[in-house]
């Protein structure tokens, strides 16, 4: 890429760097042994204190809409790309987040803190284990250097991995700066390297818009199906590859509330659970506007954007049928789903526990034993008669396809996780790490890497959150 797209610079070293944690599965993707990552030379490289001989580190420029408003130039304000590794599955870029100031830092210090780095590291790997498109996290290192956020915290660096970190905002940057040549260079680069099948299309740029819109819709369907909330879906946080990018004030739904806002900074609720679907579409419109000088046909761009609604609907419907163990689809299934979500909303049922325990609901059970049999699931509801009425509808639907309890339960447990990254679990691991104990970070990672397994001995990680967890807040600094 031409020099206008980035600035070459070295990371700023941190004093006394130390190893915190590493992901063995992420390391395997780039041909590394996780056990080696704790060694001093790897810690030095992935903290930014030492640059590999052939690396040419850089920070990329981009712009974006933040909370719906044009924010102008942004860029890698605290992230520095080390380089790209060839892997059997294609190239993978390694990026240090928290590696020091860059020309795009604006008023920031270029650093990340241990708290946010652990959250991003663990959640990136947890999302991958859930089968959701995401960037990956290789490792976290820490330092004794103090960083000021709401309070004084210690610095850390998380090494992120992705085939590319190009964002919607990367295209917006050139569009709003009236640089059509650079816009074309970027689009050609993305098509050539990541969407080569589109190069022969009648309008490759229009085809790019349509495919990115489709991928974005499907990614958000995956979010909604597990109750994941990104928290800050600005266009500079949207991956051109349809990957979950930039883990900050994220959260997983606990007590179900369709209007839940996981980001304390987002007081207007722009990025609530319910709004993630339309905001994803809005962001694709922003991308379409950025690509319009290349597409040169507003009506065609509008048509390309229309794939979003169907792509989201089809994927979410597919995921819901799987979550309820339904092997077939019927016209009246939507009414069953809508009644379920209405009941969950009215009772603020724990999202993850509901779907996991639903797999244990038995179809063939005598009427006299039904209440006792349903107890683990039924007890999640204050309105137990309401649950009984919905469960009767659900059982009737299962009978229509002669569903088998054992087979259905096994399939459902492969798509409904038992373990998700609840905020309080992250907080416990963070507080121990801040006191120099990193064992809980690694144990939590190990649990979340097998989210669908029963994992005897780890049942506490699947429990309802304790009362003190209701006071936890995450914001854009998280």
Foldseek 3Di string as FASTA:
>chain_A
DDPVFKDFDAFDAFPPKAFQAFDQVVQVQQPHGRVCCRDPVNRCCLLRVDAPPPWGKIWGKFFWAWLNHGPAIATLQQKIWRAWGQGPVGIKTKMKGQRAGDPRNVPHGSFAFLLQQLVVQLQQLLCVLLVFFAKHWGGKMWHQDWDDDVHIGTTMIIIIMDNDLDFLRRLVNCLVVVNVVVNVVVLVVCCVRPVVVLPPPPQSLLVLLLVLLLLQLLNLLSCLLQQKFQQIVIRSQGGSNSHRGDRFQIFGQFQDACQDHSAPVPVVSCRGNVNVLVVSLVSSVSSLSSCCVRVVDVVSSVVSSVVSVVSNVVNNVVLVCLLLLHPDDDPCVVVLVVLVSVQSNVFSFTSLQLSLCSLQQDLDDDPVCNCVSCVSNLVSGPPSVSVVVSVVVSSVSCVVVPDDSVVSSVSNLSNRFLADDHVVLSVVQSVVVSVVDSPSSVVSSVCSSNRSDPPPPPNVRNDRDDPVSVPDGTHRSD
